[in-house]
Protein backbone atom coordinates (compact mmCIF):
# COMPACT_ATOMS: atom_id res chain seq x y z
CA MET A 1 10.26 15.53 5.57
CA SER A 2 11.73 17.73 2.95
CA MET A 3 14.29 20.39 3.35
CA ARG A 4 15.80 23.03 1.19
CA THR A 5 19.21 24.63 1.30
CA SER A 6 22.38 25.92 -0.24
CA ARG A 7 24.68 28.79 0.69
CA SER A 8 28.23 30.00 0.51
CA THR A 9 29.67 29.17 3.92
CA ILE A 10 29.68 25.57 5.03
CA GLY A 11 29.48 24.67 8.69
CA ALA A 12 28.90 20.96 8.89
CA VAL A 13 23.26 17.37 7.43
CA ALA A 14 21.25 18.20 9.41
CA ALA A 15 18.79 15.58 10.36
CA GLY A 16 19.47 11.89 10.40
CA LEU A 17 17.60 9.84 8.01
CA ALA A 18 14.22 10.60 6.65
CA VAL A 19 13.46 7.47 4.77
CA ALA A 20 10.35 8.73 3.07
CA ALA A 21 11.90 11.14 0.60
CA SER A 22 14.50 12.98 2.48
CA VAL A 23 17.63 12.64 4.37
CA ALA A 24 18.89 13.37 7.69
CA VAL A 25 21.62 15.74 8.13
CA PRO A 26 23.15 16.61 11.44
CA ALA A 27 25.50 18.54 13.66
CA THR A 28 28.85 20.21 13.11
CA SER A 29 32.05 19.03 11.48
CA ALA A 30 35.37 19.14 13.24
CA SER A 31 36.33 22.28 11.36
CA ALA A 32 33.01 24.01 11.91
CA GLN A 33 31.92 26.31 14.67
CA PRO A 34 28.78 25.36 16.63
CA ALA A 35 25.59 26.93 15.33
CA PRO A 36 23.96 29.70 17.33
CA GLY A 37 21.12 28.68 19.64
CA PRO A 38 17.48 28.51 18.53
CA GLY A 39 15.94 31.90 17.96
CA THR A 40 19.35 33.48 17.25
CA THR A 41 19.14 35.98 14.42
CA LEU A 42 21.70 35.53 11.65
CA PRO A 43 23.06 38.29 9.41
CA GLY A 44 20.31 39.47 7.07
CA GLY A 45 17.61 38.77 9.65
CA LEU A 46 17.62 34.96 9.28
CA THR A 47 16.68 32.95 12.36
CA TRP A 48 17.61 29.47 13.64
CA GLU A 49 14.58 27.36 14.56
CA PRO A 50 14.42 23.92 16.20
CA TYR A 51 14.35 20.97 13.76
CA ARG A 52 13.68 17.34 14.70
CA SER A 53 14.46 14.21 12.69
CA GLN A 54 11.63 11.72 12.60
CA PRO A 55 11.74 8.04 13.52
CA PHE A 56 11.04 5.61 10.69
CA GLN A 57 10.35 1.96 10.00
CA VAL A 58 10.73 0.20 6.64
CA ALA A 59 9.82 -3.32 5.57
CA ALA A 60 12.31 -6.02 4.63
CA GLY A 61 13.79 -5.41 1.20
CA GLN A 62 13.14 -1.67 1.09
CA ARG A 63 16.57 -0.61 2.41
CA CYS A 64 18.03 -3.76 3.99
CA ALA A 65 17.18 -7.46 3.55
CA PHE A 66 15.34 -7.27 6.88
CA PRO A 67 12.89 -4.75 8.40
CA VAL A 68 14.64 -1.74 9.93
CA ALA A 69 13.62 0.98 12.35
CA GLY A 70 15.49 4.21 12.98
CA GLU A 71 15.05 6.74 15.76
CA PRO A 72 16.85 9.79 17.05
CA VAL A 73 18.57 9.14 20.40
CA LYS A 74 19.77 12.72 20.75
CA ASP A 75 18.45 15.51 18.54
CA GLU A 76 19.47 19.12 19.00
CA GLU A 77 19.23 20.16 15.36
CA GLN A 78 18.40 23.61 14.07
CA ILE A 79 17.27 24.90 10.71
CA ALA A 80 17.53 28.30 9.06
CA THR A 81 15.91 29.40 5.80
CA LEU A 82 18.45 31.23 3.67
CA ALA A 83 16.25 32.08 0.68
CA THR A 84 12.60 31.70 -0.29
CA PHE A 85 10.55 31.46 -3.47
CA SER A 86 8.16 34.31 -4.30
CA ASP A 87 5.34 32.42 -2.54
CA GLY A 88 7.36 32.40 0.69
CA SER A 89 8.21 28.67 0.66
CA PRO A 90 11.83 27.78 1.39
CA ARG A 91 14.25 27.64 -1.54
CA HIS A 92 17.50 27.20 0.40
CA GLN A 93 17.87 25.97 3.98
CA VAL A 94 20.66 24.83 6.28
CA ILE A 95 20.28 22.23 9.02
CA THR A 96 22.90 21.60 11.69
CA GLY A 97 23.13 20.45 15.28
CA ASP A 98 23.88 17.43 17.43
CA LEU A 99 22.15 14.27 16.15
CA ARG A 100 22.66 10.66 17.20
CA PHE A 101 20.52 8.04 15.42
CA ARG A 102 19.84 4.39 16.37
CA TYR A 103 19.10 1.81 13.65
CA THR A 104 17.55 -1.54 14.65
CA ASN A 105 17.10 -4.83 12.78
CA LEU A 106 13.49 -5.64 13.68
CA ASP A 107 14.00 -9.38 13.08
CA THR A 108 16.97 -9.86 15.43
CA GLY A 109 16.92 -6.79 17.67
CA ALA A 110 20.51 -5.94 16.71
CA SER A 111 21.08 -2.19 16.79
CA VAL A 112 23.77 0.35 16.11
CA GLU A 113 24.03 4.08 16.75
CA HIS A 114 25.64 6.68 14.52
CA ASP A 115 26.58 10.27 15.27
CA LEU A 116 25.40 12.32 12.30
CA ASN A 117 27.56 15.36 12.96
CA GLY A 118 27.26 17.07 9.62
CA THR A 119 25.51 20.04 8.14
CA GLY A 120 23.04 19.85 5.31
CA PHE A 121 22.43 22.57 2.77
CA ILE A 122 19.19 21.82 0.96
CA GLU A 123 18.13 23.43 -2.29
CA TYR A 124 14.61 22.91 -3.63
CA GLY A 125 13.99 23.04 -7.36
CA THR A 126 10.88 24.59 -8.90
CA ASP A 127 10.20 21.18 -10.51
CA GLY A 128 9.92 19.41 -7.13
CA SER A 129 13.50 18.14 -7.15
CA MET A 130 15.88 18.60 -4.25
CA VAL A 131 19.66 18.71 -3.86
CA GLN A 132 21.21 18.07 -0.47
CA ARG A 133 24.80 19.19 -0.03
CA LEU A 134 26.05 17.28 2.99
CA VAL A 135 29.23 18.21 4.84
CA GLY A 136 30.42 15.85 7.56
CA ALA A 137 28.48 12.86 8.88
CA ALA A 138 24.96 12.28 7.56
CA ALA A 139 22.80 9.36 6.44
CA VAL A 140 20.62 8.72 3.39
CA GLY A 141 18.33 5.81 2.56
CA PHE A 142 18.48 4.43 -0.97
CA ARG A 143 15.96 2.08 -2.62
CA ALA A 144 16.48 -0.56 -5.32
CA THR A 145 15.10 1.92 -7.90
CA ASP A 146 17.67 4.60 -7.02
CA ARG A 147 20.95 5.28 -8.81
CA PHE A 148 23.02 4.15 -5.85
CA PRO A 149 23.06 0.73 -4.18
CA LYS A 150 20.10 0.01 -1.89
CA GLY A 151 20.73 0.53 1.81
CA ILE A 152 20.97 3.03 4.62
CA TRP A 153 24.21 4.82 3.89
CA ALA A 154 26.22 6.63 6.55
CA LEU A 155 28.14 9.32 4.69
CA ASP A 156 31.11 11.41 5.76
CA GLY A 157 33.02 14.10 3.92
CA TYR A 158 31.23 16.05 1.19
CA HIS A 159 28.34 14.57 -0.80
CA GLU A 160 25.71 16.03 -3.11
CA VAL A 161 22.57 13.93 -3.21
CA TYR A 162 19.95 14.60 -5.89
CA PHE A 163 16.28 13.72 -5.32
CA ALA A 164 14.28 13.62 -8.56
CA PRO A 165 10.81 15.22 -8.67
CA ASP A 166 7.93 13.14 -7.25
CA GLY A 167 10.35 10.68 -5.60
CA GLY A 168 11.43 9.29 -8.97
CA TYR A 169 14.96 8.37 -7.90
CA ARG A 170 17.89 9.46 -5.77
CA GLU A 171 21.56 9.56 -6.65
CA ILE A 172 24.88 10.77 -5.27
CA ARG A 173 26.18 13.29 -7.79
CA VAL A 174 29.30 14.37 -5.91
CA ASP A 175 31.21 11.90 -3.75
CA ALA A 176 34.17 13.42 -1.91
CA GLY A 177 34.12 11.24 1.16
CA THR A 178 33.20 7.83 2.49
CA GLU A 179 30.04 5.72 2.47
CA HIS A 180 29.14 2.82 4.77
CA ASN A 181 25.99 0.71 4.46
CA VAL A 182 24.46 0.54 7.96
CA CYS A 183 22.59 -2.64 6.91
CA THR A 184 25.91 -4.54 7.17
CA ASP A 185 26.17 -3.53 10.85
CA LEU A 186 22.75 -5.05 11.58
CA ASP A 187 22.93 -8.26 9.55
């Protein structure tokens, strides 16, 4: 699940965790106002649409030392396209809304839930890259080949995460907040 976004005003990233090649960004930060309901037209004719984070499962060693599953427990996210490319595909999007995600160690059954109450601004590059600007609580999965330690990282504050074209690598380019590896909660 890919997303695209970037814009001037920041509310709060959207989705939870899309392990494949994306991220999950969620709800609203403490300083943000709740997003309008689905179908609400924004200034300039933009419209909020429902958005749903997807469950995932990864094998041992891909994110944590053990196999992990993740699933949305509560998902009331919304997405709006702020700008498009000439072909009509999204160039900038924003995702926000209430998201609670459960992560489970598939070996032991241990689980933990995280509120991902942030907003994600996603910007898609013409080269297939993506930048996610995450404000508030969000989560991102990193692999051993990425430029950040492997794990499922619960983020809070402001982070810019770069996704190289064709899934080459991921890295946190701006870190103005906290990071916590969810794998340590499940070990």
